[in-house]
Structure formats: structure tokens, C-alpha cells
């Protein structure tokens, strides 16, 4: 056993046992677990994904933040992410204007905009909610607590709701990401980008061994909405200039620090579809390959 630990020197970047039950009868996976010691102090980002299995009220007080917040709502059928048999009531503004979400949607909540309650009013079939914050420390101000605020009339809250976000990819899967959101809704200093993909068959992804000057996260989890721990697949993830191979066979969060070579990432075995959520602490993706491409 000691020899294995010594051999796999990058093991600390692979976090296991990451799926947790929540108090509403669902499950979720997020960065709030044991990743704190390897997440940069200046990350300015946090995220988590939950499966919603039954109606309940979430984020009940109407409140605002001083940072941008994203919500991704999408169906749990891994063969059709557009299948969405649910209704989510999301209130916006101090007047609590109600918006009903009935298809995959990305919601952007800008700084200073009041929002919530968020009501999972109808759940015909389980669905997912991915929530991401552009901050490392969550904080909010409830409606009525800010006695010095100056309110500006909002012309149209509909602009914060982007629909038609599920896209087919070249490998026969589907996904959704911040690339579908109008650029004016994403702060210039966001320092974050993310996308989620359902993997349905084996293929090679991120083939060249490379490194970045920012932190990157990968979340791997099963597609069964009644058991996110069900993971019938093998993901081969290479780390370091020596391409040390790690085989992922259960839900796992992988943290790739700046300057650490990684990949190829091989979806070697896919008996059942699974999800990969990829997040970068940058707004512009760039990489340096280990072996420069021939001129």
C-alpha cells in the first residue's frame, strides 16, 4: 500500500466520496468538501450541483449579493437533457416578479439584483440545479436590511433568463455552459468559465498533455438521479510530465493547480452515461502543451 501512495504522487488532487445527501431528500456534489487546502485563496468562485427529486422551497428570503450568481437548470435524462418535466418558480426584484422555468435554462443574477424565493413547485421527473458563485465566501443582504440602497427601475428581468441552452457535441453527447449566455451578463472580471457534458460513449478528450496558469476543476458523477454514486465507467486521467495515469471509477472531483501538466483525458469505458462538469478560474482559456506542435 505504501508503494502505491509513493507511486501516485498526484493522488491528492483526486477527491473521492464527494456525493452528499441534502435535507430535502436529494443529493449533490460541490467544492465545499475537502478541497479547501488545494483551492487558491483568490479563487473567487464556488459551485455545487444538486439533484431535485421532489417539490420544496429553496432560498426563501428575497435577498441580493455583491457578486454574480449563476443557476443552471437541466433535465436528468442522460439521453435527452432537454427533457424537463418540472416547474421552477424564481422570483426577481424587490417586487418579487415571478418567472416560471419549464425547460433547461441558465439564470444569471447580477450583483445588487434582488432575487428569490426559489420554489421547486412541480417535479414530475427529477432534474438538476447547478449553482455557481463568483466569490469564495457566500454572503447576502435580505430585502429591507439595506437602508442606504438606491433602487433603479429594472426594465426587463427576462434578460437574465437564457433558454435553448442544451447543445449537441461532436462526440454524440450533449452539454450546456456559460458560452450560451449573452456576454453582457457576465462581468468582465469574472475569472470563471464552466460547462457540463453528458458522456454517452468512449472517446479521447483533451488529448495533448498541457498546463495552464489558472486552476481547473473536473467533477465526474453518475447520471442516475436517484443515485449519483452509481458510476459504471472508467475515466483515465494522466497527470504530470510523466503522464502518471489515474483511473476514476466513482464520483470524483479533480483539482488541477496552475502549472501542473495533465491529460490526456480518456473516457475509456462507458457502460452507463455519466456527467463531467469542467470549471476554469479564468474567463479566457489558454494552455501550453508539454510537447510543442511541429511548425
C-alpha atoms as a PDB file:
ATOM      1  CA  UNK A   1       0.000   0.000   0.000  1.00  0.00           C
ATOM      2  CA  UNK A   2       2.860   2.365   0.874  1.00  0.00           C
ATOM      3  CA  UNK A   3       4.415   1.708  -2.525  1.00  0.00           C
ATOM      4  CA  UNK A   4       1.180   2.693  -4.287  1.00  0.00           C
ATOM      5  CA  UNK A   5       0.963   6.010  -2.416  1.00  0.00           C
ATOM      6  CA  UNK A   6       4.576   6.783  -3.259  1.00  0.00           C
ATOM      7  CA  UNK A   7       3.985   5.878  -6.896  1.00  0.00           C
ATOM      8  CA  UNK A   8       0.882   8.047  -7.359  1.00  0.00           C
ATOM      9  CA  UNK A   9       2.284  11.374  -6.258  1.00  0.00           C
ATOM     10  CA  UNK A  10      -0.655  13.315  -7.745  1.00  0.00           C
ATOM     11  CA  UNK A  11      -3.286  11.375  -5.774  1.00  0.00           C
ATOM     12  CA  UNK A  12      -4.007  14.381  -3.522  1.00  0.00           C
ATOM     13  CA  UNK A  13      -5.678  16.153  -6.437  1.00  0.00           C
ATOM     14  CA  UNK A  14      -8.367  13.424  -6.722  1.00  0.00           C
ATOM     15  CA  UNK A  15     -11.167  13.846  -4.158  1.00  0.00           C
ATOM     16  CA  UNK A  16     -13.439  10.822  -3.595  1.00  0.00           C
ATOM     17  CA  UNK A  17     -16.657  10.246  -1.599  1.00  0.00           C
ATOM     18  CA  UNK A  18     -17.935  13.610  -2.810  1.00  0.00           C
ATOM     19  CA  UNK A  19     -21.669  12.873  -3.208  1.00  0.00           C
ATOM     20  CA  UNK A  20     -23.646  14.022  -0.158  1.00  0.00           C
ATOM     21  CA  UNK A  21     -27.324  13.787   0.750  1.00  0.00           C
ATOM     22  CA  UNK A  22     -29.172  17.011   1.488  1.00  0.00           C
ATOM     23  CA  UNK A  23     -32.016  17.755   3.888  1.00  0.00           C
ATOM     24  CA  UNK A  24     -34.599  17.855   1.073  1.00  0.00           C
ATOM     25  CA  UNK A  25     -34.184  14.205   0.071  1.00  0.00           C
ATOM     26  CA  UNK A  26     -31.820  14.857  -2.812  1.00  0.00           C
ATOM     27  CA  UNK A  27     -28.103  14.552  -3.399  1.00  0.00           C
ATOM     28  CA  UNK A  28     -25.356  16.870  -4.507  1.00  0.00           C
ATOM     29  CA  UNK A  29     -21.700  17.358  -5.213  1.00  0.00           C
ATOM     30  CA  UNK A  30     -19.717  20.544  -4.627  1.00  0.00           C
ATOM     31  CA  UNK A  31     -16.457  22.212  -3.696  1.00  0.00           C
ATOM     32  CA  UNK A  32     -17.458  22.636  -0.054  1.00  0.00           C
ATOM     33  CA  UNK A  33     -15.829  19.353   0.951  1.00  0.00           C
ATOM     34  CA  UNK A  34     -12.174  18.538   1.360  1.00  0.00           C
ATOM     35  CA  UNK A  35     -10.793  20.633  -1.481  1.00  0.00           C
ATOM     36  CA  UNK A  36     -10.123  23.773   0.538  1.00  0.00           C
ATOM     37  CA  UNK A  37      -6.418  23.156   1.029  1.00  0.00           C
ATOM     38  CA  UNK A  38      -5.794  22.952  -2.719  1.00  0.00           C
ATOM     39  CA  UNK A  39      -8.189  25.674  -3.904  1.00  0.00           C
ATOM     40  CA  UNK A  40      -6.400  29.011  -4.312  1.00  0.00           C
ATOM     41  CA  UNK A  41      -7.221  31.677  -1.740  1.00  0.00           C
ATOM     42  CA  UNK A  42      -8.033  34.118  -4.541  1.00  0.00           C
ATOM     43  CA  UNK A  43     -10.343  31.671  -6.331  1.00  0.00           C
ATOM     44  CA  UNK A  44     -13.380  33.959  -6.159  1.00  0.00           C
ATOM     45  CA  UNK A  45     -15.580  31.021  -7.165  1.00  0.00           C
ATOM     46  CA  UNK A  46     -17.663  28.318  -5.557  1.00  0.00           C
ATOM     47  CA  UNK A  47     -20.098  25.868  -7.060  1.00  0.00           C
ATOM     48  CA  UNK A  48     -22.243  22.831  -6.404  1.00  0.00           C
ATOM     49  CA  UNK A  49     -24.754  20.685  -8.246  1.00  0.00           C
ATOM     50  CA  UNK A  50     -27.902  19.143  -6.741  1.00  0.00           C
ATOM     51  CA  UNK A  51     -30.478  16.677  -7.996  1.00  0.00           C
ATOM     52  CA  UNK A  52     -34.061  17.761  -7.214  1.00  0.00           C
ATOM     53  CA  UNK A  53     -36.412  14.813  -6.618  1.00  0.00           C
ATOM     54  CA  UNK A  54     -39.463  16.419  -5.009  1.00  0.00           C
ATOM     55  CA  UNK A  55     -41.043  19.871  -4.594  1.00  0.00           C
ATOM     56  CA  UNK A  56     -39.659  22.186  -1.915  1.00  0.00           C
ATOM     57  CA  UNK A  57     -38.920  25.837  -1.228  1.00  0.00           C
ATOM     58  CA  UNK A  58     -35.260  26.824  -1.589  1.00  0.00           C
ATOM     59  CA  UNK A  59     -33.507  30.162  -0.918  1.00  0.00           C
ATOM     60  CA  UNK A  60     -36.694  31.550   0.606  1.00  0.00           C
ATOM     61  CA  UNK A  61     -35.832  35.102   1.751  1.00  0.00           C
ATOM     62  CA  UNK A  62     -35.671  37.689  -1.023  1.00  0.00           C
ATOM     63  CA  UNK A  63     -32.054  38.877  -0.967  1.00  0.00           C
ATOM     64  CA  UNK A  64     -29.154  40.267  -3.000  1.00  0.00           C
ATOM     65  CA  UNK A  65     -25.389  39.724  -3.226  1.00  0.00           C
ATOM     66  CA  UNK A  66     -22.427  41.847  -4.190  1.00  0.00           C
ATOM     67  CA  UNK A  67     -21.270  39.153  -6.628  1.00  0.00           C
ATOM     68  CA  UNK A  68     -22.690  37.416  -9.702  1.00  0.00           C
ATOM     69  CA  UNK A  69     -24.523  34.123  -9.249  1.00  0.00           C
ATOM     70  CA  UNK A  70     -25.419  31.529 -11.900  1.00  0.00           C
ATOM     71  CA  UNK A  71     -28.124  28.841 -11.858  1.00  0.00           C
ATOM     72  CA  UNK A  72     -28.172  26.045 -14.470  1.00  0.00           C
ATOM     73  CA  UNK A  73     -31.412  24.025 -14.603  1.00  0.00           C
ATOM     74  CA  UNK A  74     -31.480  20.928 -16.826  1.00  0.00           C
ATOM     75  CA  UNK A  75     -33.177  17.540 -17.108  1.00  0.00           C
ATOM     76  CA  UNK A  76     -31.837  14.283 -15.659  1.00  0.00           C
ATOM     77  CA  UNK A  77     -32.391  12.037 -18.687  1.00  0.00           C
ATOM     78  CA  UNK A  78     -28.792  11.435 -19.894  1.00  0.00           C
ATOM     79  CA  UNK A  79     -30.080  10.606 -23.382  1.00  0.00           C
ATOM     80  CA  UNK A  80     -32.054  13.871 -23.645  1.00  0.00           C
ATOM     81  CA  UNK A  81     -31.052  16.764 -21.395  1.00  0.00           C
ATOM     82  CA  UNK A  82     -33.907  18.818 -22.842  1.00  0.00           C
ATOM     83  CA  UNK A  83     -36.451  16.521 -21.204  1.00  0.00           C
ATOM     84  CA  UNK A  84     -37.634  18.730 -18.344  1.00  0.00           C
ATOM     85  CA  UNK A  85     -40.835  17.714 -16.546  1.00  0.00           C
ATOM     86  CA  UNK A  86     -40.797  20.316 -13.783  1.00  0.00           C
ATOM     87  CA  UNK A  87     -41.701  23.895 -12.931  1.00  0.00           C
ATOM     88  CA  UNK A  88     -39.342  26.167 -11.040  1.00  0.00           C
ATOM     89  CA  UNK A  89     -40.749  29.459  -9.770  1.00  0.00           C
ATOM     90  CA  UNK A  90     -37.945  32.003  -9.488  1.00  0.00           C
ATOM     91  CA  UNK A  91     -38.814  35.477  -8.160  1.00  0.00           C
ATOM     92  CA  UNK A  92     -36.802  38.545  -9.177  1.00  0.00           C
ATOM     93  CA  UNK A  93     -36.656  42.092  -7.892  1.00  0.00           C
ATOM     94  CA  UNK A  94     -37.922  43.727  -4.722  1.00  0.00           C
ATOM     95  CA  UNK A  95     -41.406  43.332  -6.226  1.00  0.00           C
ATOM     96  CA  UNK A  96     -40.853  39.540  -6.389  1.00  0.00           C
ATOM     97  CA  UNK A  97     -41.744  39.245 -10.074  1.00  0.00           C
ATOM     98  CA  UNK A  98     -42.342  35.532 -10.674  1.00  0.00           C
ATOM     99  CA  UNK A  99     -40.674  33.667 -13.547  1.00  0.00           C
ATOM    100  CA  UNK A 100     -41.598  30.049 -14.272  1.00  0.00           C
ATOM    101  CA  UNK A 101     -38.845  27.815 -15.660  1.00  0.00           C
ATOM    102  CA  UNK A 102     -40.166  24.794 -17.576  1.00  0.00           C
ATOM    103  CA  UNK A 103     -37.219  23.955 -19.850  1.00  0.00           C
ATOM    104  CA  UNK A 104     -33.419  23.885 -19.461  1.00  0.00           C
ATOM    105  CA  UNK A 105     -32.406  27.413 -18.551  1.00  0.00           C
ATOM    106  CA  UNK A 106     -29.389  29.354 -17.319  1.00  0.00           C
ATOM    107  CA  UNK A 107     -30.226  32.179 -14.926  1.00  0.00           C
ATOM    108  CA  UNK A 108     -27.742  34.978 -14.217  1.00  0.00           C
ATOM    109  CA  UNK A 109     -28.212  37.016 -11.045  1.00  0.00           C
ATOM    110  CA  UNK A 110     -26.077  40.185 -11.263  1.00  0.00           C
ATOM    111  CA  UNK A 111     -24.704  41.970  -8.170  1.00  0.00           C
ATOM    112  CA  UNK A 112     -27.285  44.064  -6.362  1.00  0.00           C
ATOM    113  CA  UNK A 113     -30.338  42.455  -8.002  1.00  0.00           C
ATOM    114  CA  UNK A 114     -32.868  41.098  -5.505  1.00  0.00           C
ATOM    115  CA  UNK A 115     -33.980  37.519  -6.172  1.00  0.00           C
ATOM    116  CA  UNK A 116     -35.770  34.567  -4.613  1.00  0.00           C
ATOM    117  CA  UNK A 117     -37.683  32.810  -3.247  1.00  0.00           C
ATOM    118  CA  UNK A 118     -36.763  29.890  -5.497  1.00  0.00           C
ATOM    119  CA  UNK A 119     -39.602  27.387  -5.410  1.00  0.00           C
ATOM    120  CA  UNK A 120     -39.319  23.892  -6.874  1.00  0.00           C
ATOM    121  CA  UNK A 121     -43.077  23.888  -7.363  1.00  0.00           C
ATOM    122  CA  UNK A 122     -43.547  20.840  -9.613  1.00  0.00           C
ATOM    123  CA  UNK A 123     -41.213  17.875 -10.041  1.00  0.00           C
ATOM    124  CA  UNK A 124     -42.708  15.353 -12.466  1.00  0.00           C
ATOM    125  CA  UNK A 125     -39.231  13.900 -13.032  1.00  0.00           C
ATOM    126  CA  UNK A 126     -36.004  14.644 -11.164  1.00  0.00           C
ATOM    127  CA  UNK A 127     -33.816  17.420 -12.569  1.00  0.00           C
ATOM    128  CA  UNK A 128     -30.549  19.131 -11.730  1.00  0.00           C
ATOM    129  CA  UNK A 129     -29.628  22.581 -10.472  1.00  0.00           C
ATOM    130  CA  UNK A 130     -26.021  23.737 -10.807  1.00  0.00           C
ATOM    131  CA  UNK A 131     -25.337  26.829  -8.710  1.00  0.00           C
ATOM    132  CA  UNK A 132     -22.121  28.844  -9.087  1.00  0.00           C
ATOM    133  CA  UNK A 133     -20.979  31.997  -7.307  1.00  0.00           C
ATOM    134  CA  UNK A 134     -18.234  34.419  -8.294  1.00  0.00           C
ATOM    135  CA  UNK A 135     -16.961  34.534  -4.722  1.00  0.00           C
ATOM    136  CA  UNK A 136     -15.189  32.245  -2.277  1.00  0.00           C
ATOM    137  CA  UNK A 137     -17.294  33.416   0.671  1.00  0.00           C
ATOM    138  CA  UNK A 138     -21.101  33.378   0.389  1.00  0.00           C
ATOM    139  CA  UNK A 139     -22.932  36.360   1.868  1.00  0.00           C
ATOM    140  CA  UNK A 140     -26.232  38.097   1.205  1.00  0.00           C
ATOM    141  CA  UNK A 141     -28.417  41.006   2.278  1.00  0.00           C
ATOM    142  CA  UNK A 142     -32.127  40.341   2.829  1.00  0.00           C
ATOM    143  CA  UNK A 143     -34.722  42.680   1.355  1.00  0.00           C
ATOM    144  CA  UNK A 144     -35.303  45.570   3.766  1.00  0.00           C
ATOM    145  CA  UNK A 145     -31.943  45.307   5.540  1.00  0.00           C
ATOM    146  CA  UNK A 146     -30.056  47.733   3.263  1.00  0.00           C
ATOM    147  CA  UNK A 147     -31.372  51.101   4.403  1.00  0.00           C
ATOM    148  CA  UNK A 148     -28.953  53.109   2.245  1.00  0.00           C
ATOM    149  CA  UNK A 149     -29.582  51.467  -1.106  1.00  0.00           C
ATOM    150  CA  UNK A 150     -30.656  53.408  -4.169  1.00  0.00           C
ATOM    151  CA  UNK A 151     -33.022  51.338  -6.309  1.00  0.00           C
ATOM    152  CA  UNK A 152     -33.034  51.701 -10.069  1.00  0.00           C
ATOM    153  CA  UNK A 153     -36.069  50.546 -12.030  1.00  0.00           C
ATOM    154  CA  UNK A 154     -35.382  47.283 -13.893  1.00  0.00           C
ATOM    155  CA  UNK A 155     -36.695  47.418 -17.481  1.00  0.00           C
ATOM    156  CA  UNK A 156     -36.952  43.654 -18.013  1.00  0.00           C
ATOM    157  CA  UNK A 157     -35.955  40.760 -15.753  1.00  0.00           C
ATOM    158  CA  UNK A 158     -36.446  38.358 -18.676  1.00  0.00           C
ATOM    159  CA  UNK A 159     -32.984  39.237 -19.963  1.00  0.00           C
ATOM    160  CA  UNK A 160     -31.444  37.274 -17.070  1.00  0.00           C
ATOM    161  CA  UNK A 161     -33.036  34.012 -18.274  1.00  0.00           C
ATOM    162  CA  UNK A 162     -31.345  32.221 -21.201  1.00  0.00           C
ATOM    163  CA  UNK A 163     -33.230  29.298 -22.754  1.00  0.00           C
ATOM    164  CA  UNK A 164     -32.305  26.840 -25.513  1.00  0.00           C
ATOM    165  CA  UNK A 165     -29.001  26.197 -23.754  1.00  0.00           C
ATOM    166  CA  UNK A 166     -28.523  22.450 -24.402  1.00  0.00           C
ATOM    167  CA  UNK A 167     -26.178  21.785 -27.330  1.00  0.00           C
ATOM    168  CA  UNK A 168     -25.090  18.559 -29.060  1.00  0.00           C
ATOM    169  CA  UNK A 169     -21.325  17.956 -29.145  1.00  0.00           C
ATOM    170  CA  UNK A 170     -19.103  16.236 -31.703  1.00  0.00           C
ATOM    171  CA  UNK A 171     -18.845  13.031 -29.629  1.00  0.00           C
ATOM    172  CA  UNK A 172     -22.558  12.244 -29.603  1.00  0.00           C
ATOM    173  CA  UNK A 173     -23.268  13.755 -26.206  1.00  0.00           C
ATOM    174  CA  UNK A 174     -24.933  16.926 -25.004  1.00  0.00           C
ATOM    175  CA  UNK A 175     -23.999  19.762 -22.717  1.00  0.00           C
ATOM    176  CA  UNK A 176     -24.610  23.279 -21.563  1.00  0.00           C
ATOM    177  CA  UNK A 177     -22.285  26.048 -20.484  1.00  0.00           C
ATOM    178  CA  UNK A 178     -21.752  29.745 -19.954  1.00  0.00           C
ATOM    179  CA  UNK A 179     -20.956  30.121 -23.646  1.00  0.00           C
ATOM    180  CA  UNK A 180     -24.726  30.208 -24.248  1.00  0.00           C
ATOM    181  CA  UNK A 181     -25.196  33.274 -22.034  1.00  0.00           C
ATOM    182  CA  UNK A 182     -25.066  36.761 -23.610  1.00  0.00           C
ATOM    183  CA  UNK A 183     -21.658  38.294 -22.930  1.00  0.00           C
ATOM    184  CA  UNK A 184     -23.085  41.478 -21.401  1.00  0.00           C
ATOM    185  CA  UNK A 185     -24.456  39.437 -18.464  1.00  0.00           C
ATOM    186  CA  UNK A 186     -21.037  38.092 -17.461  1.00  0.00           C
ATOM    187  CA  UNK A 187     -18.775  40.517 -15.554  1.00  0.00           C
ATOM    188  CA  UNK A 188     -15.540  41.481 -17.308  1.00  0.00           C
ATOM    189  CA  UNK A 189     -13.600  40.377 -14.211  1.00  0.00           C
ATOM    190  CA  UNK A 190     -15.449  37.098 -13.825  1.00  0.00           C
ATOM    191  CA  UNK A 191     -12.336  34.897 -13.869  1.00  0.00           C
ATOM    192  CA  UNK A 192     -14.524  31.821 -14.342  1.00  0.00           C
ATOM    193  CA  UNK A 193     -15.946  29.679 -17.107  1.00  0.00           C
ATOM    194  CA  UNK A 194     -17.719  26.370 -16.925  1.00  0.00           C
ATOM    195  CA  UNK A 195     -19.608  23.774 -18.892  1.00  0.00           C
ATOM    196  CA  UNK A 196     -21.270  20.433 -18.235  1.00  0.00           C
ATOM    197  CA  UNK A 197     -21.289  17.470 -20.606  1.00  0.00           C
ATOM    198  CA  UNK A 198     -23.072  14.121 -20.558  1.00  0.00           C
ATOM    199  CA  UNK A 199     -20.718  11.383 -21.770  1.00  0.00           C
ATOM    200  CA  UNK A 200     -22.523   8.529 -23.544  1.00  0.00           C
ATOM    201  CA  UNK A 201     -19.740   6.551 -25.231  1.00  0.00           C
ATOM    202  CA  UNK A 202     -15.938   6.118 -25.018  1.00  0.00           C
ATOM    203  CA  UNK A 203     -13.740   8.741 -26.637  1.00  0.00           C
ATOM    204  CA  UNK A 204     -10.462  10.590 -26.105  1.00  0.00           C
ATOM    205  CA  UNK A 205     -10.865  14.111 -24.717  1.00  0.00           C
ATOM    206  CA  UNK A 206      -8.197  16.774 -24.047  1.00  0.00           C
ATOM    207  CA  UNK A 207      -5.547  14.684 -25.737  1.00  0.00           C
ATOM    208  CA  UNK A 208      -2.323  16.769 -25.609  1.00  0.00           C
ATOM    209  CA  UNK A 209      -0.553  16.876 -22.254  1.00  0.00           C
ATOM    210  CA  UNK A 210      -0.640  20.551 -21.265  1.00  0.00           C
ATOM    211  CA  UNK A 211      -0.715  23.047 -18.404  1.00  0.00           C
ATOM    212  CA  UNK A 212      -2.471  26.328 -17.587  1.00  0.00           C
ATOM    213  CA  UNK A 213      -1.717  29.390 -15.492  1.00  0.00           C
ATOM    214  CA  UNK A 214      -5.090  29.009 -13.712  1.00  0.00           C
ATOM    215  CA  UNK A 215      -6.831  26.366 -11.595  1.00  0.00           C
ATOM    216  CA  UNK A 216      -9.151  23.904 -13.310  1.00  0.00           C
ATOM    217  CA  UNK A 217     -11.778  21.603 -11.775  1.00  0.00           C
ATOM    218  CA  UNK A 218     -13.388  18.429 -13.122  1.00  0.00           C
ATOM    219  CA  UNK A 219     -16.489  16.931 -11.474  1.00  0.00           C
ATOM    220  CA  UNK A 220     -17.322  13.355 -12.525  1.00  0.00           C
ATOM    221  CA  UNK A 221     -20.620  11.841 -11.303  1.00  0.00           C
ATOM    222  CA  UNK A 222     -23.229   9.315 -12.339  1.00  0.00           C
ATOM    223  CA  UNK A 223     -26.353  10.132 -14.334  1.00  0.00           C
ATOM    224  CA  UNK A 224     -28.874   8.185 -12.245  1.00  0.00           C
ATOM    225  CA  UNK A 225     -30.835  10.971 -10.495  1.00  0.00           C
ATOM    226  CA  UNK A 226     -31.871   8.553  -7.753  1.00  0.00           C
ATOM    227  CA  UNK A 227     -28.271   7.578  -7.006  1.00  0.00           C
ATOM    228  CA  UNK A 228     -25.491   9.922  -8.119  1.00  0.00           C
ATOM    229  CA  UNK A 229     -22.948   7.413  -6.771  1.00  0.00           C
ATOM    230  CA  UNK A 230     -23.902   4.905  -9.473  1.00  0.00           C
ATOM    231  CA  UNK A 231     -20.890   5.179 -11.772  1.00  0.00           C
ATOM    232  CA  UNK A 232     -20.383   2.385 -14.315  1.00  0.00           C
ATOM    233  CA  UNK A 233     -17.475   3.880 -16.243  1.00  0.00           C
ATOM    234  CA  UNK A 234     -13.702   4.250 -16.247  1.00  0.00           C
ATOM    235  CA  UNK A 235     -12.008   7.583 -16.869  1.00  0.00           C
ATOM    236  CA  UNK A 236      -8.244   7.543 -17.421  1.00  0.00           C
ATOM    237  CA  UNK A 237      -6.749  10.876 -16.379  1.00  0.00           C
ATOM    238  CA  UNK A 238      -2.996  11.413 -16.794  1.00  0.00           C
ATOM    239  CA  UNK A 239      -1.057  13.828 -14.563  1.00  0.00           C
ATOM    240  CA  UNK A 240       2.412  15.314 -14.696  1.00  0.00           C
ATOM    241  CA  UNK A 241       5.045  15.450 -17.419  1.00  0.00           C
ATOM    242  CA  UNK A 242       5.482  11.722 -16.802  1.00  0.00           C
ATOM    243  CA  UNK A 243       1.774  11.167 -17.634  1.00  0.00           C
ATOM    244  CA  UNK A 244       1.020   9.289 -14.414  1.00  0.00           C
ATOM    245  CA  UNK A 245      -2.295   7.502 -15.075  1.00  0.00           C
ATOM    246  CA  UNK A 246      -5.191   7.700 -12.601  1.00  0.00           C
ATOM    247  CA  UNK A 247      -8.346   5.638 -13.197  1.00  0.00           C
ATOM    248  CA  UNK A 248     -11.610   7.171 -11.975  1.00  0.00           C
ATOM    249  CA  UNK A 249     -14.327   4.596 -11.206  1.00  0.00           C
ATOM    250  CA  UNK A 250     -16.555   6.552  -8.793  1.00  0.00           C
ATOM    251  CA  UNK A 251     -17.785  10.134  -8.439  1.00  0.00           C
ATOM    252  CA  UNK A 252     -14.682  12.280  -8.108  1.00  0.00           C
ATOM    253  CA  UNK A 253     -13.610  15.920  -8.076  1.00  0.00           C
ATOM    254  CA  UNK A 254     -10.242  16.541  -9.719  1.00  0.00           C
ATOM    255  CA  UNK A 255      -8.374  19.768  -8.988  1.00  0.00           C
ATOM    256  CA  UNK A 256      -5.674  20.787 -11.477  1.00  0.00           C
ATOM    257  CA  UNK A 257      -3.499  23.554  -9.990  1.00  0.00           C
ATOM    258  CA  UNK A 258      -1.710  26.141 -12.144  1.00  0.00           C
ATOM    259  CA  UNK A 259       1.460  24.854 -13.744  1.00  0.00           C
ATOM    260  CA  UNK A 260       0.674  21.140 -13.304  1.00  0.00           C
ATOM    261  CA  UNK A 261       0.786  19.174 -16.561  1.00  0.00           C
ATOM    262  CA  UNK A 262      -2.262  16.970 -17.131  1.00  0.00           C
ATOM    263  CA  UNK A 263      -4.098  14.959 -19.787  1.00  0.00           C
ATOM    264  CA  UNK A 264      -4.809  13.092 -21.953  1.00  0.00           C
ATOM    265  CA  UNK A 265      -8.271  12.511 -20.500  1.00  0.00           C
ATOM    266  CA  UNK A 266      -9.644   9.256 -21.880  1.00  0.00           C
ATOM    267  CA  UNK A 267     -13.251   8.156 -21.433  1.00  0.00           C
ATOM    268  CA  UNK A 268     -12.121   4.552 -21.742  1.00  0.00           C
ATOM    269  CA  UNK A 269     -15.234   2.675 -20.582  1.00  0.00           C
ATOM    270  CA  UNK A 270     -18.830   3.951 -20.562  1.00  0.00           C
ATOM    271  CA  UNK A 271     -21.322   1.242 -19.622  1.00  0.00           C
ATOM    272  CA  UNK A 272     -23.770   3.908 -18.421  1.00  0.00           C
ATOM    273  CA  UNK A 273     -23.740   7.625 -19.267  1.00  0.00           C
ATOM    274  CA  UNK A 274     -22.162   9.962 -16.728  1.00  0.00           C
ATOM    275  CA  UNK A 275     -21.546  13.686 -16.333  1.00  0.00           C
ATOM    276  CA  UNK A 276     -18.378  15.761 -16.485  1.00  0.00           C
ATOM    277  CA  UNK A 277     -18.540  19.315 -15.170  1.00  0.00           C
ATOM    278  CA  UNK A 278     -15.448  21.335 -16.103  1.00  0.00           C
ATOM    279  CA  UNK A 279     -14.749  24.710 -14.497  1.00  0.00           C
ATOM    280  CA  UNK A 280     -11.844  27.121 -15.035  1.00  0.00           C
ATOM    281  CA  UNK A 281     -10.748  30.031 -12.868  1.00  0.00           C
ATOM    282  CA  UNK A 282     -10.345  32.237 -15.923  1.00  0.00           C
ATOM    283  CA  UNK A 283     -12.552  33.930 -18.482  1.00  0.00           C
ATOM    284  CA  UNK A 284     -10.210  33.123 -21.382  1.00  0.00           C
ATOM    285  CA  UNK A 285      -8.956  29.565 -21.909  1.00  0.00           C
ATOM    286  CA  UNK A 286      -5.291  29.132 -22.821  1.00  0.00           C
ATOM    287  CA  UNK A 287      -2.794  26.268 -22.483  1.00  0.00           C
ATOM    288  CA  UNK A 288       0.838  25.346 -23.042  1.00  0.00           C
ATOM    289  CA  UNK A 289       1.475  21.879 -24.481  1.00  0.00           C
ATOM    290  CA  UNK A 290       4.191  19.706 -22.976  1.00  0.00           C
ATOM    291  CA  UNK A 291       5.464  18.857 -26.434  1.00  0.00           C
ATOM    292  CA  UNK A 292       5.217  21.836 -28.810  1.00  0.00           C
ATOM    293  CA  UNK A 293       3.433  21.123 -32.055  1.00  0.00           C
ATOM    294  CA  UNK A 294       5.658  20.878 -35.137  1.00  0.00           C
ATOM    295  CA  UNK A 295       5.923  24.111 -37.099  1.00  0.00           C
END
